[in-house]
């Protein structure tokens, strides 16, 4: 069985109700059934009548499940460098009467194979890698990533924001100017300067600014802790606060910031954790 086929198998758990559960079992579905480094898991509490709220914890990350009709649904990411092994997923379920009950299930994290990427930066670009500059600019971006809307804006699969060849994938181990430089936290598309960048799904512009290290930068909020990031842009078209639809023009690609050549860096953030955006293109989360 291939990894793709195996990852589509949903794992179903059952929680036996206590005396205050109205003789009803709560069904939790986790998909995919195996957690991969750099990927996400969808966690759903099905037919949750009488439930007022659901919080969860996995890999030291606290996240919320949001109500969708009679169900609750949430998404959690697996860090790139998470050590493979068995870990507990814990759900804290609050009943309408205020009482709570816990569900704990063990899930397995598997290692993802990541390739290497080697490239050189000109001195003028390389000097932008100063840790103090990167930290200062990332702090600005991170402020919006920490804000989570209760509403889900995205619908179905995500589309690629540009048409072009992927020059560097998510999780690639980078070697810059001959030295190791950590793992790549996004997907790079090799496109010419001025290539049109389109919203991959419904969302709202929450950050649009020209930075030194990240270049022209934009962030879209897709709701419920899901954000997409766009770096090295040459022009910011959609203003902060604009609600965008799938396929709407938001920016033009470029070569600004720490960039070895014209391209678009596309990132996906789930509860302020960077994950592989291409998973969202291939599968509906």
C-alpha atoms as a PDB file:
ATOM      1  CA  UNK A   1       0.000   0.000   0.000  1.00  0.00           C
ATOM      2  CA  UNK A   2       1.405   3.430  -0.928  1.00  0.00           C
ATOM      3  CA  UNK A   3       1.876   6.230   1.586  1.00  0.00           C
ATOM      4  CA  UNK A   4      -0.814   8.226  -0.270  1.00  0.00           C
ATOM      5  CA  UNK A   5      -3.370   5.428  -0.044  1.00  0.00           C
ATOM      6  CA  UNK A   6      -2.499   4.713   3.550  1.00  0.00           C
ATOM      7  CA  UNK A   7      -2.761   8.358   4.562  1.00  0.00           C
ATOM      8  CA  UNK A   8      -6.339   8.522   3.325  1.00  0.00           C
ATOM      9  CA  UNK A   9      -7.548   5.931   5.833  1.00  0.00           C
ATOM     10  CA  UNK A  10      -9.425   7.643   8.655  1.00  0.00           C
ATOM     11  CA  UNK A  11      -9.040   6.404  12.205  1.00  0.00           C
ATOM     12  CA  UNK A  12     -12.256   6.286  14.196  1.00  0.00           C
ATOM     13  CA  UNK A  13     -12.324   6.409  17.981  1.00  0.00           C
ATOM     14  CA  UNK A  14     -15.230   5.950  20.386  1.00  0.00           C
ATOM     15  CA  UNK A  15     -15.738   7.578  23.755  1.00  0.00           C
ATOM     16  CA  UNK A  16     -18.160   5.767  26.090  1.00  0.00           C
ATOM     17  CA  UNK A  17     -20.544   8.270  27.632  1.00  0.00           C
ATOM     18  CA  UNK A  18     -20.755   8.848  31.325  1.00  0.00           C
ATOM     19  CA  UNK A  19     -23.994   9.210  33.282  1.00  0.00           C
ATOM     20  CA  UNK A  20     -24.526  12.781  32.064  1.00  0.00           C
ATOM     21  CA  UNK A  21     -24.013  11.940  28.350  1.00  0.00           C
ATOM     22  CA  UNK A  22     -27.669  11.218  27.562  1.00  0.00           C
ATOM     23  CA  UNK A  23     -26.754   7.610  26.687  1.00  0.00           C
ATOM     24  CA  UNK A  24     -24.909   8.813  23.597  1.00  0.00           C
ATOM     25  CA  UNK A  25     -21.445   7.897  22.407  1.00  0.00           C
ATOM     26  CA  UNK A  26     -19.192  10.563  20.916  1.00  0.00           C
ATOM     27  CA  UNK A  27     -17.395   9.627  17.719  1.00  0.00           C
ATOM     28  CA  UNK A  28     -14.048  11.227  16.846  1.00  0.00           C
ATOM     29  CA  UNK A  29     -12.493  10.924  13.377  1.00  0.00           C
ATOM     30  CA  UNK A  30      -8.824  11.729  12.720  1.00  0.00           C
ATOM     31  CA  UNK A  31      -7.651  11.985   9.111  1.00  0.00           C
ATOM     32  CA  UNK A  32      -5.157  10.925   7.917  1.00  0.00           C
ATOM     33  CA  UNK A  33      -4.621   8.163  10.429  1.00  0.00           C
ATOM     34  CA  UNK A  34      -0.849   8.652  10.469  1.00  0.00           C
ATOM     35  CA  UNK A  35       0.809  11.930  11.410  1.00  0.00           C
ATOM     36  CA  UNK A  36       3.675  12.910   9.106  1.00  0.00           C
ATOM     37  CA  UNK A  37       6.363  15.489   9.854  1.00  0.00           C
ATOM     38  CA  UNK A  38       5.364  18.823   8.316  1.00  0.00           C
ATOM     39  CA  UNK A  39       1.778  17.765   7.559  1.00  0.00           C
ATOM     40  CA  UNK A  40      -1.565  18.372   9.271  1.00  0.00           C
ATOM     41  CA  UNK A  41      -4.256  16.234  10.835  1.00  0.00           C
ATOM     42  CA  UNK A  42      -7.984  16.914  10.640  1.00  0.00           C
ATOM     43  CA  UNK A  43      -9.786  16.155  13.915  1.00  0.00           C
ATOM     44  CA  UNK A  44     -13.590  15.947  13.909  1.00  0.00           C
ATOM     45  CA  UNK A  45     -16.102  15.280  16.683  1.00  0.00           C
ATOM     46  CA  UNK A  46     -19.132  13.849  14.864  1.00  0.00           C
ATOM     47  CA  UNK A  47     -22.796  14.381  15.805  1.00  0.00           C
ATOM     48  CA  UNK A  48     -21.877  16.285  18.955  1.00  0.00           C
ATOM     49  CA  UNK A  49     -25.330  17.109  20.253  1.00  0.00           C
ATOM     50  CA  UNK A  50     -25.209  18.490  23.775  1.00  0.00           C
ATOM     51  CA  UNK A  51     -21.576  19.598  23.433  1.00  0.00           C
ATOM     52  CA  UNK A  52     -20.812  23.256  24.149  1.00  0.00           C
ATOM     53  CA  UNK A  53     -17.130  23.311  23.197  1.00  0.00           C
ATOM     54  CA  UNK A  54     -14.083  21.198  22.388  1.00  0.00           C
ATOM     55  CA  UNK A  55     -10.407  21.921  22.998  1.00  0.00           C
ATOM     56  CA  UNK A  56      -7.553  19.632  22.072  1.00  0.00           C
ATOM     57  CA  UNK A  57      -3.829  19.136  22.628  1.00  0.00           C
ATOM     58  CA  UNK A  58      -1.300  17.321  20.475  1.00  0.00           C
ATOM     59  CA  UNK A  59       2.510  17.525  20.423  1.00  0.00           C
ATOM     60  CA  UNK A  60       2.431  20.283  23.069  1.00  0.00           C
ATOM     61  CA  UNK A  61       0.101  22.365  20.905  1.00  0.00           C
ATOM     62  CA  UNK A  62      -3.251  23.545  22.186  1.00  0.00           C
ATOM     63  CA  UNK A  63      -5.902  24.045  19.516  1.00  0.00           C
ATOM     64  CA  UNK A  64      -9.638  24.500  19.289  1.00  0.00           C
ATOM     65  CA  UNK A  65     -12.293  22.518  17.452  1.00  0.00           C
ATOM     66  CA  UNK A  66     -14.878  24.774  15.825  1.00  0.00           C
ATOM     67  CA  UNK A  67     -18.571  23.970  15.424  1.00  0.00           C
ATOM     68  CA  UNK A  68     -19.774  23.149  11.910  1.00  0.00           C
ATOM     69  CA  UNK A  69     -23.465  22.248  11.949  1.00  0.00           C
ATOM     70  CA  UNK A  70     -23.739  19.316  14.422  1.00  0.00           C
ATOM     71  CA  UNK A  71     -19.994  18.547  14.333  1.00  0.00           C
ATOM     72  CA  UNK A  72     -16.805  20.092  15.678  1.00  0.00           C
ATOM     73  CA  UNK A  73     -13.742  20.321  13.454  1.00  0.00           C
ATOM     74  CA  UNK A  74     -10.137  21.385  14.017  1.00  0.00           C
ATOM     75  CA  UNK A  75      -6.735  21.124  12.343  1.00  0.00           C
ATOM     76  CA  UNK A  76      -3.347  20.582  13.974  1.00  0.00           C
ATOM     77  CA  UNK A  77       0.109  20.464  12.410  1.00  0.00           C
ATOM     78  CA  UNK A  78       3.110  18.235  13.022  1.00  0.00           C
ATOM     79  CA  UNK A  79       6.424  20.139  13.366  1.00  0.00           C
ATOM     80  CA  UNK A  80       9.075  19.499  10.739  1.00  0.00           C
ATOM     81  CA  UNK A  81      11.555  18.282  13.326  1.00  0.00           C
ATOM     82  CA  UNK A  82       9.128  16.249  15.444  1.00  0.00           C
ATOM     83  CA  UNK A  83      10.774  13.024  16.588  1.00  0.00           C
ATOM     84  CA  UNK A  84       8.962   9.985  15.149  1.00  0.00           C
ATOM     85  CA  UNK A  85       7.075   7.907  17.696  1.00  0.00           C
ATOM     86  CA  UNK A  86       3.761   7.580  19.514  1.00  0.00           C
ATOM     87  CA  UNK A  87       2.087  10.653  21.010  1.00  0.00           C
ATOM     88  CA  UNK A  88      -1.237  11.326  22.709  1.00  0.00           C
ATOM     89  CA  UNK A  89      -4.034  13.349  21.173  1.00  0.00           C
ATOM     90  CA  UNK A  90      -6.189  14.680  24.003  1.00  0.00           C
ATOM     91  CA  UNK A  91      -9.692  16.138  23.606  1.00  0.00           C
ATOM     92  CA  UNK A  92     -11.352  18.112  26.401  1.00  0.00           C
ATOM     93  CA  UNK A  93     -15.096  18.127  25.780  1.00  0.00           C
ATOM     94  CA  UNK A  94     -17.347  20.596  27.585  1.00  0.00           C
ATOM     95  CA  UNK A  95     -20.999  19.652  27.864  1.00  0.00           C
ATOM     96  CA  UNK A  96     -23.906  22.067  27.729  1.00  0.00           C
ATOM     97  CA  UNK A  97     -24.376  21.531  31.477  1.00  0.00           C
ATOM     98  CA  UNK A  98     -20.809  22.668  32.129  1.00  0.00           C
ATOM     99  CA  UNK A  99     -19.388  19.233  32.889  1.00  0.00           C
ATOM    100  CA  UNK A 100     -16.285  18.055  31.050  1.00  0.00           C
ATOM    101  CA  UNK A 101     -14.911  14.734  29.896  1.00  0.00           C
ATOM    102  CA  UNK A 102     -11.588  13.797  28.343  1.00  0.00           C
ATOM    103  CA  UNK A 103     -10.668  11.550  25.447  1.00  0.00           C
ATOM    104  CA  UNK A 104      -7.067  10.466  24.871  1.00  0.00           C
ATOM    105  CA  UNK A 105      -5.879   8.544  21.842  1.00  0.00           C
ATOM    106  CA  UNK A 106      -2.376   7.590  20.832  1.00  0.00           C
ATOM    107  CA  UNK A 107      -1.262   8.482  17.314  1.00  0.00           C
ATOM    108  CA  UNK A 108       1.973   7.701  15.525  1.00  0.00           C
ATOM    109  CA  UNK A 109       4.237  10.301  13.950  1.00  0.00           C
ATOM    110  CA  UNK A 110       6.235   9.092  10.956  1.00  0.00           C
ATOM    111  CA  UNK A 111       9.319  10.658   9.394  1.00  0.00           C
ATOM    112  CA  UNK A 112       8.934  12.519   6.096  1.00  0.00           C
ATOM    113  CA  UNK A 113      11.782  12.380   3.587  1.00  0.00           C
ATOM    114  CA  UNK A 114      13.036  15.869   2.763  1.00  0.00           C
ATOM    115  CA  UNK A 115      15.413  16.704  -0.083  1.00  0.00           C
ATOM    116  CA  UNK A 116      18.386  19.104  -0.056  1.00  0.00           C
ATOM    117  CA  UNK A 117      18.486  22.490  -1.754  1.00  0.00           C
ATOM    118  CA  UNK A 118      21.742  24.304  -2.523  1.00  0.00           C
ATOM    119  CA  UNK A 119      22.016  27.890  -3.704  1.00  0.00           C
ATOM    120  CA  UNK A 120      24.186  30.990  -3.473  1.00  0.00           C
ATOM    121  CA  UNK A 121      23.293  34.501  -2.384  1.00  0.00           C
ATOM    122  CA  UNK A 122      25.019  37.664  -3.505  1.00  0.00           C
ATOM    123  CA  UNK A 123      26.749  39.613  -0.695  1.00  0.00           C
ATOM    124  CA  UNK A 124      24.027  42.277  -0.800  1.00  0.00           C
ATOM    125  CA  UNK A 125      21.374  39.584  -0.282  1.00  0.00           C
ATOM    126  CA  UNK A 126      23.357  37.484   2.173  1.00  0.00           C
ATOM    127  CA  UNK A 127      23.782  40.375   4.596  1.00  0.00           C
ATOM    128  CA  UNK A 128      20.006  40.465   5.003  1.00  0.00           C
ATOM    129  CA  UNK A 129      20.241  37.122   6.834  1.00  0.00           C
ATOM    130  CA  UNK A 130      21.218  38.916  10.039  1.00  0.00           C
ATOM    131  CA  UNK A 131      19.400  37.147  12.835  1.00  0.00           C
ATOM    132  CA  UNK A 132      18.427  40.439  14.499  1.00  0.00           C
ATOM    133  CA  UNK A 133      16.754  41.682  11.292  1.00  0.00           C
ATOM    134  CA  UNK A 134      14.937  38.402  10.639  1.00  0.00           C
ATOM    135  CA  UNK A 135      13.705  38.206  14.234  1.00  0.00           C
ATOM    136  CA  UNK A 136      12.445  41.798  14.169  1.00  0.00           C
ATOM    137  CA  UNK A 137      10.531  41.334  10.933  1.00  0.00           C
ATOM    138  CA  UNK A 138       9.185  37.915  11.834  1.00  0.00           C
ATOM    139  CA  UNK A 139       7.801  39.351  15.078  1.00  0.00           C
ATOM    140  CA  UNK A 140       5.683  41.710  12.965  1.00  0.00           C
ATOM    141  CA  UNK A 141       4.333  38.861  10.842  1.00  0.00           C
ATOM    142  CA  UNK A 142       3.767  36.560  13.802  1.00  0.00           C
ATOM    143  CA  UNK A 143       1.395  39.032  15.447  1.00  0.00           C
ATOM    144  CA  UNK A 144      -1.255  38.338  12.800  1.00  0.00           C
ATOM    145  CA  UNK A 145      -0.595  34.584  12.781  1.00  0.00           C
ATOM    146  CA  UNK A 146      -1.556  34.429  16.457  1.00  0.00           C
ATOM    147  CA  UNK A 147      -5.012  35.871  15.789  1.00  0.00           C
ATOM    148  CA  UNK A 148      -7.600  33.168  15.050  1.00  0.00           C
ATOM    149  CA  UNK A 149     -11.020  33.905  13.594  1.00  0.00           C
ATOM    150  CA  UNK A 150     -13.820  31.562  14.675  1.00  0.00           C
ATOM    151  CA  UNK A 151     -15.300  31.520  11.178  1.00  0.00           C
ATOM    152  CA  UNK A 152     -13.940  29.281   8.419  1.00  0.00           C
ATOM    153  CA  UNK A 153     -13.407  31.299   5.240  1.00  0.00           C
ATOM    154  CA  UNK A 154     -11.749  28.672   3.025  1.00  0.00           C
ATOM    155  CA  UNK A 155     -13.788  26.156   1.048  1.00  0.00           C
ATOM    156  CA  UNK A 156     -12.485  22.863  -0.295  1.00  0.00           C
ATOM    157  CA  UNK A 157      -8.997  22.402  -1.671  1.00  0.00           C
ATOM    158  CA  UNK A 158      -6.511  25.256  -2.060  1.00  0.00           C
ATOM    159  CA  UNK A 159      -5.191  26.247  -5.483  1.00  0.00           C
ATOM    160  CA  UNK A 160      -1.582  27.110  -6.252  1.00  0.00           C
ATOM    161  CA  UNK A 161      -1.172  30.908  -6.108  1.00  0.00           C
ATOM    162  CA  UNK A 162       0.901  30.935  -9.329  1.00  0.00           C
ATOM    163  CA  UNK A 163       1.535  28.650 -12.279  1.00  0.00           C
ATOM    164  CA  UNK A 164       5.176  27.666 -12.316  1.00  0.00           C
ATOM    165  CA  UNK A 165       7.755  25.035 -11.537  1.00  0.00           C
ATOM    166  CA  UNK A 166       8.513  24.335  -7.868  1.00  0.00           C
ATOM    167  CA  UNK A 167      12.168  25.232  -7.367  1.00  0.00           C
ATOM    168  CA  UNK A 168      12.341  24.400  -3.663  1.00  0.00           C
ATOM    169  CA  UNK A 169       9.859  22.302  -1.730  1.00  0.00           C
ATOM    170  CA  UNK A 170       8.651  22.490   1.833  1.00  0.00           C
ATOM    171  CA  UNK A 171      11.056  21.001   4.370  1.00  0.00           C
ATOM    172  CA  UNK A 172      14.065  20.988   2.045  1.00  0.00           C
ATOM    173  CA  UNK A 173      17.303  21.098   3.997  1.00  0.00           C
ATOM    174  CA  UNK A 174      18.981  24.267   2.804  1.00  0.00           C
ATOM    175  CA  UNK A 175      22.651  24.786   2.063  1.00  0.00           C
ATOM    176  CA  UNK A 176      23.285  28.476   1.461  1.00  0.00           C
ATOM    177  CA  UNK A 177      26.703  29.660   0.298  1.00  0.00           C
ATOM    178  CA  UNK A 178      28.123  26.283   1.231  1.00  0.00           C
ATOM    179  CA  UNK A 179      26.752  26.140   4.777  1.00  0.00           C
ATOM    180  CA  UNK A 180      23.736  24.464   6.344  1.00  0.00           C
ATOM    181  CA  UNK A 181      20.903  26.925   6.905  1.00  0.00           C
ATOM    182  CA  UNK A 182      18.020  24.980   8.419  1.00  0.00           C
ATOM    183  CA  UNK A 183      14.849  23.710   6.754  1.00  0.00           C
ATOM    184  CA  UNK A 184      12.742  25.537   4.195  1.00  0.00           C
ATOM    185  CA  UNK A 185       9.371  26.543   5.631  1.00  0.00           C
ATOM    186  CA  UNK A 186       7.447  27.047   2.421  1.00  0.00           C
ATOM    187  CA  UNK A 187       7.129  26.169  -1.253  1.00  0.00           C
ATOM    188  CA  UNK A 188       9.069  28.215  -3.827  1.00  0.00           C
ATOM    189  CA  UNK A 189       7.767  28.697  -7.366  1.00  0.00           C
ATOM    190  CA  UNK A 190      10.303  29.771  -9.983  1.00  0.00           C
ATOM    191  CA  UNK A 191       8.382  32.515 -11.799  1.00  0.00           C
ATOM    192  CA  UNK A 192       9.431  35.716 -13.509  1.00  0.00           C
ATOM    193  CA  UNK A 193       9.288  39.109 -11.829  1.00  0.00           C
ATOM    194  CA  UNK A 194       5.808  40.552 -12.052  1.00  0.00           C
ATOM    195  CA  UNK A 195       3.987  37.218 -12.282  1.00  0.00           C
ATOM    196  CA  UNK A 196       0.412  37.548 -11.062  1.00  0.00           C
ATOM    197  CA  UNK A 197      -0.226  35.998  -7.629  1.00  0.00           C
ATOM    198  CA  UNK A 198      -3.776  34.847  -6.944  1.00  0.00           C
ATOM    199  CA  UNK A 199      -5.561  34.035  -3.691  1.00  0.00           C
ATOM    200  CA  UNK A 200      -5.558  30.215  -3.333  1.00  0.00           C
ATOM    201  CA  UNK A 201      -8.826  30.273  -1.416  1.00  0.00           C
ATOM    202  CA  UNK A 202     -11.253  32.617   0.304  1.00  0.00           C
ATOM    203  CA  UNK A 203      -9.735  34.765   3.017  1.00  0.00           C
ATOM    204  CA  UNK A 204      -8.850  38.230   4.251  1.00  0.00           C
ATOM    205  CA  UNK A 205      -5.651  40.268   3.880  1.00  0.00           C
ATOM    206  CA  UNK A 206      -4.247  40.843   7.379  1.00  0.00           C
ATOM    207  CA  UNK A 207      -0.663  41.846   6.521  1.00  0.00           C
ATOM    208  CA  UNK A 208       0.771  43.686   3.513  1.00  0.00           C
ATOM    209  CA  UNK A 209       4.120  45.385   3.882  1.00  0.00           C
ATOM    210  CA  UNK A 210       7.518  45.734   2.217  1.00  0.00           C
ATOM    211  CA  UNK A 211      10.162  44.267   4.507  1.00  0.00           C
ATOM    212  CA  UNK A 212      13.941  44.028   4.151  1.00  0.00           C
ATOM    213  CA  UNK A 213      14.595  40.322   4.789  1.00  0.00           C
ATOM    214  CA  UNK A 214      11.281  38.852   3.613  1.00  0.00           C
ATOM    215  CA  UNK A 215      10.771  41.406   0.856  1.00  0.00           C
ATOM    216  CA  UNK A 216       7.273  42.335  -0.192  1.00  0.00           C
ATOM    217  CA  UNK A 217       5.140  40.320   2.233  1.00  0.00           C
ATOM    218  CA  UNK A 218       1.455  39.473   2.405  1.00  0.00           C
ATOM    219  CA  UNK A 219      -0.560  37.254   4.749  1.00  0.00           C
ATOM    220  CA  UNK A 220      -4.093  35.965   4.142  1.00  0.00           C
ATOM    221  CA  UNK A 221      -6.271  34.796   7.032  1.00  0.00           C
ATOM    222  CA  UNK A 222      -8.473  31.862   5.998  1.00  0.00           C
ATOM    223  CA  UNK A 223     -10.107  31.515   9.420  1.00  0.00           C
ATOM    224  CA  UNK A 224      -9.783  29.150  12.371  1.00  0.00           C
ATOM    225  CA  UNK A 225      -6.032  29.603  12.711  1.00  0.00           C
ATOM    226  CA  UNK A 226      -5.193  28.951   9.034  1.00  0.00           C
ATOM    227  CA  UNK A 227      -3.022  31.557   7.246  1.00  0.00           C
ATOM    228  CA  UNK A 228      -1.069  31.645   3.992  1.00  0.00           C
ATOM    229  CA  UNK A 229       2.094  33.711   3.535  1.00  0.00           C
ATOM    230  CA  UNK A 230       3.670  35.280   0.430  1.00  0.00           C
ATOM    231  CA  UNK A 231       7.284  36.557   0.389  1.00  0.00           C
ATOM    232  CA  UNK A 232       9.608  38.379  -2.064  1.00  0.00           C
ATOM    233  CA  UNK A 233       6.734  40.189  -3.797  1.00  0.00           C
ATOM    234  CA  UNK A 234       7.411  43.109  -6.147  1.00  0.00           C
ATOM    235  CA  UNK A 235       3.984  44.691  -5.739  1.00  0.00           C
ATOM    236  CA  UNK A 236       1.251  44.455  -3.109  1.00  0.00           C
ATOM    237  CA  UNK A 237      -2.153  44.831  -4.751  1.00  0.00           C
ATOM    238  CA  UNK A 238      -4.797  43.753  -2.217  1.00  0.00           C
ATOM    239  CA  UNK A 239      -4.845  46.114   0.805  1.00  0.00           C
ATOM    240  CA  UNK A 240      -5.062  45.131   4.454  1.00  0.00           C
ATOM    241  CA  UNK A 241      -8.644  44.333   5.419  1.00  0.00           C
ATOM    242  CA  UNK A 242      -9.768  43.282   1.956  1.00  0.00           C
ATOM    243  CA  UNK A 243     -11.837  40.114   1.775  1.00  0.00           C
ATOM    244  CA  UNK A 244     -10.634  38.108  -1.221  1.00  0.00           C
ATOM    245  CA  UNK A 245     -12.175  35.285  -3.195  1.00  0.00           C
ATOM    246  CA  UNK A 246     -10.446  32.233  -4.644  1.00  0.00           C
ATOM    247  CA  UNK A 247      -8.518  33.226  -7.759  1.00  0.00           C
ATOM    248  CA  UNK A 248      -8.524  36.969  -7.037  1.00  0.00           C
ATOM    249  CA  UNK A 249      -5.359  38.914  -7.889  1.00  0.00           C
ATOM    250  CA  UNK A 250      -3.536  39.918  -4.700  1.00  0.00           C
ATOM    251  CA  UNK A 251       0.067  40.720  -5.664  1.00  0.00           C
ATOM    252  CA  UNK A 252       2.912  40.406  -8.173  1.00  0.00           C
ATOM    253  CA  UNK A 253       5.896  38.135  -7.597  1.00  0.00           C
ATOM    254  CA  UNK A 254       9.438  39.455  -7.374  1.00  0.00           C
ATOM    255  CA  UNK A 255      12.990  39.045  -6.146  1.00  0.00           C
ATOM    256  CA  UNK A 256      12.947  41.230  -3.046  1.00  0.00           C
ATOM    257  CA  UNK A 257      14.472  40.314   0.320  1.00  0.00           C
ATOM    258  CA  UNK A 258      16.614  37.219   0.873  1.00  0.00           C
ATOM    259  CA  UNK A 259      16.208  35.758  -2.579  1.00  0.00           C
ATOM    260  CA  UNK A 260      18.639  34.115  -4.989  1.00  0.00           C
ATOM    261  CA  UNK A 261      16.426  34.837  -7.993  1.00  0.00           C
ATOM    262  CA  UNK A 262      12.875  35.729  -9.039  1.00  0.00           C
ATOM    263  CA  UNK A 263      10.346  33.459  -7.358  1.00  0.00           C
ATOM    264  CA  UNK A 264       7.341  33.304  -5.049  1.00  0.00           C
ATOM    265  CA  UNK A 265       7.695  31.828  -1.574  1.00  0.00           C
ATOM    266  CA  UNK A 266       4.316  30.434  -0.496  1.00  0.00           C
ATOM    267  CA  UNK A 267       3.857  29.386   3.112  1.00  0.00           C
ATOM    268  CA  UNK A 268       1.057  27.794   5.124  1.00  0.00           C
ATOM    269  CA  UNK A 269       0.638  28.453   8.844  1.00  0.00           C
ATOM    270  CA  UNK A 270      -1.641  26.391  11.109  1.00  0.00           C
ATOM    271  CA  UNK A 271      -1.950  27.822  14.614  1.00  0.00           C
ATOM    272  CA  UNK A 272       1.375  29.604  14.002  1.00  0.00           C
ATOM    273  CA  UNK A 273       3.136  26.421  12.876  1.00  0.00           C
ATOM    274  CA  UNK A 274       4.498  26.210   9.316  1.00  0.00           C
ATOM    275  CA  UNK A 275       3.275  23.161   7.399  1.00  0.00           C
ATOM    276  CA  UNK A 276       3.304  21.906   3.807  1.00  0.00           C
ATOM    277  CA  UNK A 277       0.844  23.971   1.751  1.00  0.00           C
ATOM    278  CA  UNK A 278       0.860  21.369  -1.042  1.00  0.00           C
ATOM    279  CA  UNK A 279      -1.045  18.975   1.228  1.00  0.00           C
ATOM    280  CA  UNK A 280      -3.911  21.485   1.082  1.00  0.00           C
ATOM    281  CA  UNK A 281      -3.686  21.589  -2.727  1.00  0.00           C
ATOM    282  CA  UNK A 282      -3.854  17.803  -3.074  1.00  0.00           C
ATOM    283  CA  UNK A 283      -6.449  17.075  -0.377  1.00  0.00           C
ATOM    284  CA  UNK A 284      -9.446  18.790   1.158  1.00  0.00           C
ATOM    285  CA  UNK A 285      -8.671  19.358   4.828  1.00  0.00           C
END
